[in-house]
Amino acid sequence: MEIADFRRIALSLEGAEESSHMGSPDFRVGGRIFATLASQSEGYGNLMITPEQQAAFVADMPGVFIPVKGGWGRMGATHIHLAHVSEDVLRGALHTAWELRRKANEKTKSKKKSSRK
């Protein structure tokens, strides 16, 4: 897979939009980031997932999924080595990150509504 494939798949998810954060392309749903291309020069796309999801992905495919170094990685930010990932796996991983962000957005929206009552 290549950067263009990552972008195409990310943008195919319902409500996904491309934006930019600190000069790097990112992909958002409901205004919140679920994936980035901050490491594209190294051949990676990045997912914003939970530490538990990251651990499962890395255990299943350690040559494809790599924790981002430092604090971001400890919070679940995960590299996807694009040269080693199939389209189906990439699509599933991006969907996981998108779904996590979408659900978090719904939860936040619900809390805001209940605090207004």
C-alpha atoms as a PDB file:
ATOM      1  CA  MET A   1       0.000   0.000   0.000  1.00  0.00           C
ATOM      2  CA  GLU A   2       1.044   3.585  -0.515  1.00  0.00           C
ATOM      3  CA  ILE A   3       0.235   6.998   0.955  1.00  0.00           C
ATOM      4  CA  ALA A   4      -2.450   7.517  -1.699  1.00  0.00           C
ATOM      5  CA  ASP A   5      -4.127   4.259  -0.641  1.00  0.00           C
ATOM      6  CA  PHE A   6      -4.102   5.307   3.021  1.00  0.00           C
ATOM      7  CA  ARG A   7      -5.676   8.652   2.076  1.00  0.00           C
ATOM      8  CA  ARG A   8      -8.277   7.031  -0.221  1.00  0.00           C
ATOM      9  CA  ILE A   9      -9.373   4.504   2.381  1.00  0.00           C
ATOM     10  CA  ALA A  10      -9.427   7.016   5.247  1.00  0.00           C
ATOM     11  CA  LEU A  11     -11.561   9.416   3.218  1.00  0.00           C
ATOM     12  CA  SER A  12     -13.964   6.634   2.209  1.00  0.00           C
ATOM     13  CA  LEU A  13     -15.162   6.341   5.825  1.00  0.00           C
ATOM     14  CA  GLU A  14     -18.438   8.122   6.529  1.00  0.00           C
ATOM     15  CA  GLY A  15     -17.935  11.726   7.585  1.00  0.00           C
ATOM     16  CA  ALA A  16     -14.135  11.581   7.248  1.00  0.00           C
ATOM     17  CA  GLU A  17     -12.356  14.773   6.237  1.00  0.00           C
ATOM     18  CA  GLU A  18      -8.727  15.562   5.551  1.00  0.00           C
ATOM     19  CA  SER A  19      -7.173  18.410   7.489  1.00  0.00           C
ATOM     20  CA  SER A  20      -3.729  19.305   8.797  1.00  0.00           C
ATOM     21  CA  HIS A  21      -2.104  19.289  12.211  1.00  0.00           C
ATOM     22  CA  MET A  22       1.359  20.726  12.747  1.00  0.00           C
ATOM     23  CA  GLY A  23       2.000  20.644   9.002  1.00  0.00           C
ATOM     24  CA  SER A  24       1.029  16.994   8.472  1.00  0.00           C
ATOM     25  CA  PRO A  25      -2.102  15.613   6.853  1.00  0.00           C
ATOM     26  CA  ASP A  26      -4.636  14.165   9.243  1.00  0.00           C
ATOM     27  CA  PHE A  27      -8.030  12.538   8.946  1.00  0.00           C
ATOM     28  CA  ARG A  28     -10.914  13.512  11.185  1.00  0.00           C
ATOM     29  CA  VAL A  29     -14.457  12.554  11.939  1.00  0.00           C
ATOM     30  CA  GLY A  30     -16.586  15.076  13.792  1.00  0.00           C
ATOM     31  CA  GLY A  31     -13.597  17.399  13.859  1.00  0.00           C
ATOM     32  CA  ARG A  32     -11.403  14.955  15.827  1.00  0.00           C
ATOM     33  CA  ILE A  33      -8.339  13.092  14.514  1.00  0.00           C
ATOM     34  CA  PHE A  34      -8.459   9.332  13.975  1.00  0.00           C
ATOM     35  CA  ALA A  35      -5.429   8.916  11.681  1.00  0.00           C
ATOM     36  CA  THR A  36      -2.490  10.923  10.339  1.00  0.00           C
ATOM     37  CA  LEU A  37       0.254  10.888   7.763  1.00  0.00           C
ATOM     38  CA  ALA A  38       2.735  12.559  10.126  1.00  0.00           C
ATOM     39  CA  SER A  39       5.276   9.780   9.445  1.00  0.00           C
ATOM     40  CA  GLN A  40       4.694   9.378   5.720  1.00  0.00           C
ATOM     41  CA  SER A  41       8.354  10.159   4.894  1.00  0.00           C
ATOM     42  CA  GLU A  42       9.263   7.007   6.863  1.00  0.00           C
ATOM     43  CA  GLY A  43       6.646   4.922   5.019  1.00  0.00           C
ATOM     44  CA  TYR A  44       4.075   4.936   7.809  1.00  0.00           C
ATOM     45  CA  GLY A  45       0.522   5.989   8.329  1.00  0.00           C
ATOM     46  CA  ASN A  46      -0.591   6.501  11.937  1.00  0.00           C
ATOM     47  CA  LEU A  47      -3.683   5.395  13.818  1.00  0.00           C
ATOM     48  CA  MET A  48      -5.123   6.868  16.980  1.00  0.00           C
ATOM     49  CA  ILE A  49      -6.384   3.789  18.843  1.00  0.00           C
ATOM     50  CA  THR A  50      -6.438   2.578  22.447  1.00  0.00           C
ATOM     51  CA  PRO A  51      -3.378   0.988  24.060  1.00  0.00           C
ATOM     52  CA  GLU A  52      -5.318  -2.290  24.228  1.00  0.00           C
ATOM     53  CA  GLN A  53      -6.148  -2.200  20.516  1.00  0.00           C
ATOM     54  CA  GLN A  54      -2.536  -1.315  19.775  1.00  0.00           C
ATOM     55  CA  ALA A  55      -1.281  -4.296  21.785  1.00  0.00           C
ATOM     56  CA  ALA A  56      -3.603  -6.654  19.892  1.00  0.00           C
ATOM     57  CA  PHE A  57      -2.601  -5.255  16.481  1.00  0.00           C
ATOM     58  CA  VAL A  58       1.126  -5.448  17.305  1.00  0.00           C
ATOM     59  CA  ALA A  59       0.761  -9.009  18.654  1.00  0.00           C
ATOM     60  CA  ASP A  60      -1.072 -10.118  15.489  1.00  0.00           C
ATOM     61  CA  MET A  61       1.156  -8.360  12.943  1.00  0.00           C
ATOM     62  CA  PRO A  62       4.374  -6.995  14.510  1.00  0.00           C
ATOM     63  CA  GLY A  63       5.921  -6.211  11.102  1.00  0.00           C
ATOM     64  CA  VAL A  64       2.950  -4.038  10.154  1.00  0.00           C
ATOM     65  CA  PHE A  65       1.916  -2.319  13.399  1.00  0.00           C
ATOM     66  CA  ILE A  66       4.509  -0.502  15.503  1.00  0.00           C
ATOM     67  CA  PRO A  67       3.842   1.724  18.531  1.00  0.00           C
ATOM     68  CA  VAL A  68       4.809   5.361  17.966  1.00  0.00           C
ATOM     69  CA  LYS A  69       7.779   6.207  20.213  1.00  0.00           C
ATOM     70  CA  GLY A  70       7.236   8.083  23.453  1.00  0.00           C
ATOM     71  CA  GLY A  71       4.077   9.245  25.159  1.00  0.00           C
ATOM     72  CA  TRP A  72       1.902   9.212  22.052  1.00  0.00           C
ATOM     73  CA  GLY A  73       2.687   5.531  21.555  1.00  0.00           C
ATOM     74  CA  ARG A  74       1.905   4.725  25.186  1.00  0.00           C
ATOM     75  CA  MET A  75      -1.503   6.349  24.628  1.00  0.00           C
ATOM     76  CA  GLY A  76      -2.176   4.109  21.584  1.00  0.00           C
ATOM     77  CA  ALA A  77      -0.748   6.038  18.613  1.00  0.00           C
ATOM     78  CA  THR A  78       0.375   3.339  16.209  1.00  0.00           C
ATOM     79  CA  HIS A  79       2.409   3.315  12.987  1.00  0.00           C
ATOM     80  CA  ILE A  80       1.234   1.179  10.063  1.00  0.00           C
ATOM     81  CA  HIS A  81       4.102   0.119   7.811  1.00  0.00           C
ATOM     82  CA  LEU A  82       2.407   0.721   4.466  1.00  0.00           C
ATOM     83  CA  ALA A  83       4.819  -1.377   2.383  1.00  0.00           C
ATOM     84  CA  HIS A  84       3.856  -4.453   4.430  1.00  0.00           C
ATOM     85  CA  VAL A  85       0.097  -4.097   4.838  1.00  0.00           C
ATOM     86  CA  SER A  86      -2.684  -5.468   2.635  1.00  0.00           C
ATOM     87  CA  GLU A  87      -5.627  -3.309   1.632  1.00  0.00           C
ATOM     88  CA  ASP A  88      -8.014  -5.371   3.756  1.00  0.00           C
ATOM     89  CA  VAL A  89      -5.877  -5.005   6.877  1.00  0.00           C
ATOM     90  CA  LEU A  90      -5.348  -1.289   6.266  1.00  0.00           C
ATOM     91  CA  ARG A  91      -9.071  -0.774   5.729  1.00  0.00           C
ATOM     92  CA  GLY A  92      -9.885  -2.670   8.930  1.00  0.00           C
ATOM     93  CA  ALA A  93      -7.301  -0.762  10.978  1.00  0.00           C
ATOM     94  CA  LEU A  94      -8.495   2.624   9.722  1.00  0.00           C
ATOM     95  CA  HIS A  95     -12.086   1.583  10.399  1.00  0.00           C
ATOM     96  CA  THR A  96     -11.120   0.655  13.970  1.00  0.00           C
ATOM     97  CA  ALA A  97      -9.585   4.102  14.573  1.00  0.00           C
ATOM     98  CA  TRP A  98     -12.511   5.860  12.852  1.00  0.00           C
ATOM     99  CA  GLU A  99     -15.094   3.919  14.879  1.00  0.00           C
ATOM    100  CA  LEU A 100     -13.281   4.634  18.150  1.00  0.00           C
ATOM    101  CA  ARG A 101     -13.270   8.378  17.412  1.00  0.00           C
ATOM    102  CA  ARG A 102     -16.882   8.365  16.185  1.00  0.00           C
ATOM    103  CA  LYS A 103     -18.077   6.672  19.379  1.00  0.00           C
ATOM    104  CA  ALA A 104     -16.045   9.067  21.535  1.00  0.00           C
ATOM    105  CA  ASN A 105     -17.626  11.991  19.669  1.00  0.00           C
ATOM    106  CA  GLU A 106     -21.124  10.604  20.318  1.00  0.00           C
ATOM    107  CA  LYS A 107     -20.339  10.119  23.990  1.00  0.00           C
ATOM    108  CA  THR A 108     -19.059  13.702  24.302  1.00  0.00           C
ATOM    109  CA  LYS A 109     -22.115  15.042  22.483  1.00  0.00           C
ATOM    110  CA  SER A 110     -24.417  13.058  24.768  1.00  0.00           C
ATOM    111  CA  LYS A 111     -22.686  14.381  27.912  1.00  0.00           C
ATOM    112  CA  LYS A 112     -22.993  17.967  26.669  1.00  0.00           C
ATOM    113  CA  LYS A 113     -26.718  17.522  26.040  1.00  0.00           C
ATOM    114  CA  SER A 114     -27.352  16.040  29.493  1.00  0.00           C
ATOM    115  CA  SER A 115     -25.398  18.824  31.241  1.00  0.00           C
ATOM    116  CA  ARG A 116     -27.622  21.459  29.574  1.00  0.00           C
ATOM    117  CA  LYS A 117     -30.793  20.074  31.153  1.00  0.00           C
END
